[in-house]
């Protein structure tokens, strides 16, 4: 892996309490257990520390809605489930990024209301403004935000690197299928350890 520090950004996505904590509305449904089993937060923290030490740009992405969900445009069943659970409401504990990978004051936090973090946010403009051409991705769920971001980033001309051990899905088969069959179509699939080594 050959990374130019000045043009590379680490994107950690949806590693928020609602998703990765067993008390979270989504995490409690099984995702948090798989996040713990795969050591996603520990691996993400390792990647985050390495990125900070190398002075890479870091972006944190989270899902967050108004309390009335009037900003939720999707009519997919998964959104109805989030609404019924009262999940990911801005200002709530569930919308906050997990303490183990919490953003520092100088790191960008993007709040989205859909799967793709480029849609209806300033992420693309910010990346271009800061000369970023390579995106290193980690987050949950693998088959949703990670895959969607990889597809959109590839379409936009970014180099894509996915840290497989910083990702998880509610169903291990979904994760496995994505990292083995789909994500390699859009970029390089590697590990947090390889990423850390490449930055040294």
Protein backbone atom coordinates (compact mmCIF):
# COMPACT_ATOMS: atom_id res chain seq x y z
CA UNK A 1 0.00 0.00 0.00
CA UNK A 2 1.46 3.33 -1.09
CA UNK A 3 -0.19 6.33 0.56
CA UNK A 4 0.60 10.00 0.14
CA UNK A 5 -0.04 11.53 3.56
CA UNK A 6 -1.07 14.93 2.23
CA UNK A 7 -3.77 13.56 -0.06
CA UNK A 8 -5.15 10.70 2.06
CA UNK A 9 -8.08 10.86 4.48
CA UNK A 10 -9.34 8.28 6.97
CA UNK A 11 -13.15 8.05 7.03
CA UNK A 12 -14.68 6.28 10.04
CA UNK A 13 -18.38 5.81 9.46
CA UNK A 14 -21.38 5.22 11.73
CA UNK A 15 -19.24 4.09 14.67
CA UNK A 16 -21.82 5.70 16.91
CA UNK A 17 -23.45 4.48 20.08
CA UNK A 18 -26.69 3.50 18.35
CA UNK A 19 -24.82 1.06 16.14
CA UNK A 20 -21.83 -0.25 18.09
CA UNK A 21 -22.99 -0.26 21.72
CA UNK A 22 -25.18 -3.13 23.00
CA UNK A 23 -27.48 -0.50 24.54
CA UNK A 24 -28.00 1.08 21.12
CA UNK A 25 -31.21 0.54 19.19
CA UNK A 26 -29.35 -1.11 16.30
CA UNK A 27 -26.38 -2.43 18.23
CA UNK A 28 -28.64 -4.24 20.66
CA UNK A 29 -30.10 -6.21 17.78
CA UNK A 30 -26.84 -8.07 17.27
CA UNK A 31 -24.55 -5.64 15.46
CA UNK A 32 -22.72 -4.58 18.65
CA UNK A 33 -21.90 -8.20 19.46
CA UNK A 34 -20.30 -8.67 16.05
CA UNK A 35 -18.47 -5.35 16.39
CA UNK A 36 -17.04 -6.62 19.69
CA UNK A 37 -16.25 -10.06 18.29
CA UNK A 38 -14.36 -8.55 15.34
CA UNK A 39 -12.66 -5.94 17.56
CA UNK A 40 -13.87 -3.23 15.19
CA UNK A 41 -13.57 -0.38 17.69
CA UNK A 42 -10.11 -1.43 18.82
CA UNK A 43 -8.91 -1.74 15.22
CA UNK A 44 -10.52 1.56 14.27
CA UNK A 45 -8.82 3.23 17.22
CA UNK A 46 -5.48 1.84 16.08
CA UNK A 47 -6.07 3.21 12.57
CA UNK A 48 -7.21 6.53 14.01
CA UNK A 49 -4.11 6.87 16.21
CA UNK A 50 -1.87 6.06 13.24
CA UNK A 51 -3.65 8.57 11.01
CA UNK A 52 -3.34 11.29 13.63
CA UNK A 53 0.34 10.53 14.20
CA UNK A 54 0.94 10.75 10.44
CA UNK A 55 -1.11 13.98 10.26
CA UNK A 56 -3.64 12.54 7.82
CA UNK A 57 -7.01 14.18 7.41
CA UNK A 58 -9.66 12.39 9.48
CA UNK A 59 -13.41 12.51 8.89
CA UNK A 60 -16.08 11.01 11.14
CA UNK A 61 -19.46 10.19 9.59
CA UNK A 62 -22.62 9.54 11.58
CA UNK A 63 -26.31 8.99 10.99
CA UNK A 64 -28.52 11.62 12.62
CA UNK A 65 -32.11 12.77 12.25
CA UNK A 66 -34.43 15.47 13.55
CA UNK A 67 -36.67 14.22 16.35
CA UNK A 68 -39.65 14.14 13.96
CA UNK A 69 -37.62 12.43 11.19
CA UNK A 70 -38.80 15.06 8.72
CA UNK A 71 -35.29 15.00 7.21
CA UNK A 72 -35.45 11.25 6.52
CA UNK A 73 -36.14 11.06 2.79
CA UNK A 74 -35.79 7.31 2.31
CA UNK A 75 -38.99 5.24 2.35
CA UNK A 76 -37.11 1.95 2.75
CA UNK A 77 -38.23 -0.48 5.49
CA UNK A 78 -35.01 0.01 7.46
CA UNK A 79 -35.92 3.68 7.99
CA UNK A 80 -39.34 2.72 9.31
CA UNK A 81 -37.56 0.47 11.80
CA UNK A 82 -35.26 3.29 12.92
CA UNK A 83 -38.28 5.54 13.40
CA UNK A 84 -40.13 2.93 15.42
CA UNK A 85 -37.08 2.57 17.67
CA UNK A 86 -36.57 6.33 17.95
CA UNK A 87 -33.00 5.72 16.80
CA UNK A 88 -30.20 8.10 15.83
CA UNK A 89 -31.94 11.32 16.83
CA UNK A 90 -29.57 14.27 16.85
CA UNK A 91 -28.65 15.35 20.35
CA UNK A 92 -29.27 11.90 21.77
CA UNK A 93 -26.69 9.48 23.15
CA UNK A 94 -27.30 7.19 20.17
CA UNK A 95 -26.23 9.81 17.64
CA UNK A 96 -22.91 10.44 19.36
CA UNK A 97 -19.76 8.77 18.07
CA UNK A 98 -18.48 6.08 20.44
CA UNK A 99 -16.00 7.39 23.01
CA UNK A 100 -13.27 4.99 21.91
CA UNK A 101 -13.07 6.67 18.48
CA UNK A 102 -14.41 10.10 19.37
CA UNK A 103 -13.38 12.96 17.07
CA UNK A 104 -10.88 15.54 18.18
CA UNK A 105 -11.83 19.20 17.95
CA UNK A 106 -10.05 19.69 14.61
CA UNK A 107 -11.61 16.68 12.84
CA UNK A 108 -14.59 17.01 10.53
CA UNK A 109 -17.86 15.36 11.55
CA UNK A 110 -20.37 14.72 8.76
CA UNK A 111 -23.99 14.03 9.66
CA UNK A 112 -26.05 12.21 7.05
CA UNK A 113 -29.65 11.04 6.81
CA UNK A 114 -29.07 8.23 4.33
CA UNK A 115 -26.57 5.50 3.48
CA UNK A 116 -24.30 7.49 1.14
CA UNK A 117 -22.33 10.14 3.08
CA UNK A 118 -21.81 12.22 -0.08
CA UNK A 119 -25.55 12.78 -0.57
CA UNK A 120 -26.84 16.12 0.77
CA UNK A 121 -23.62 16.81 2.73
CA UNK A 122 -20.52 18.92 2.16
CA UNK A 123 -18.18 15.89 2.26
CA UNK A 124 -17.26 15.93 -1.43
CA UNK A 125 -16.57 19.67 -1.44
CA UNK A 126 -14.47 19.40 1.72
CA UNK A 127 -12.36 16.56 0.31
CA UNK A 128 -11.72 18.41 -2.95
CA UNK A 129 -10.94 21.66 -1.11
CA UNK A 130 -8.36 19.84 1.02
CA UNK A 131 -6.71 18.06 -1.92
CA UNK A 132 -7.79 14.58 -0.85
CA UNK A 133 -7.56 11.92 -3.56
CA UNK A 134 -7.43 8.72 -1.48
CA UNK A 135 -10.06 7.57 1.03
CA UNK A 136 -9.37 4.92 3.67
CA UNK A 137 -12.68 3.52 4.91
CA UNK A 138 -13.92 1.75 8.02
CA UNK A 139 -17.30 1.48 9.67
CA UNK A 140 -20.63 -0.27 10.00
CA UNK A 141 -22.37 -1.72 8.27
CA UNK A 142 -19.97 -3.12 5.69
CA UNK A 143 -22.71 -3.83 3.16
CA UNK A 144 -24.33 -0.42 3.64
CA UNK A 145 -22.29 2.71 4.39
CA UNK A 146 -18.87 1.20 3.61
CA UNK A 147 -19.95 -0.30 0.32
CA UNK A 148 -22.00 2.76 -0.66
CA UNK A 149 -19.09 5.08 0.08
CA UNK A 150 -16.65 2.92 -1.85
CA UNK A 151 -18.92 2.91 -4.89
CA UNK A 152 -19.54 6.66 -4.80
CA UNK A 153 -15.89 7.47 -4.13
CA UNK A 154 -14.74 5.30 -7.02
CA UNK A 155 -17.26 6.97 -9.33
CA UNK A 156 -15.85 10.34 -8.26
CA UNK A 157 -12.26 9.33 -9.01
CA UNK A 158 -10.94 8.72 -5.51
CA UNK A 159 -8.52 5.91 -4.70
CA UNK A 160 -10.37 3.64 -2.25
CA UNK A 161 -8.86 1.55 0.54
CA UNK A 162 -11.11 -0.47 2.87
CA UNK A 163 -9.89 -1.61 6.29
CA UNK A 164 -11.71 -4.93 6.52
CA UNK A 165 -11.12 -5.40 10.25
CA UNK A 166 -12.62 -1.96 10.96
CA UNK A 167 -15.94 -3.08 9.46
CA UNK A 168 -18.84 -5.33 10.43
CA UNK A 169 -22.39 -6.18 9.35
CA UNK A 170 -25.34 -7.51 11.38
CA UNK A 171 -24.99 -10.74 9.41
CA UNK A 172 -21.41 -12.09 9.05
CA UNK A 173 -22.30 -13.49 5.62
CA UNK A 174 -23.15 -10.00 4.37
CA UNK A 175 -19.78 -8.72 5.56
CA UNK A 176 -17.93 -11.64 4.02
CA UNK A 177 -19.69 -11.35 0.67
CA UNK A 178 -19.03 -7.62 0.49
CA UNK A 179 -15.31 -7.76 1.31
CA UNK A 180 -14.66 -10.81 -0.86
CA UNK A 181 -16.81 -10.06 -3.90
CA UNK A 182 -17.91 -6.42 -4.10
CA UNK A 183 -15.49 -4.07 -2.39
CA UNK A 184 -12.45 -5.35 -4.37
CA UNK A 185 -14.21 -4.06 -7.49
CA UNK A 186 -13.89 -0.49 -6.18
CA UNK A 187 -10.59 -0.46 -4.34
CA UNK A 188 -8.06 -2.24 -2.17
CA UNK A 189 -9.24 -4.33 0.79
CA UNK A 190 -6.67 -4.54 3.58
CA UNK A 191 -6.35 -4.36 7.38
CA UNK A 192 -5.72 -1.73 10.02
CA UNK A 193 -2.33 -3.30 10.71
CA UNK A 194 -1.29 -2.98 7.07
CA UNK A 195 -2.55 0.62 7.05
CA UNK A 196 -0.61 1.44 10.21
CA UNK A 197 2.53 -0.12 8.80
CA UNK A 198 2.18 1.82 5.55
CA UNK A 199 2.10 5.10 7.45
CA UNK A 200 5.35 4.47 9.32
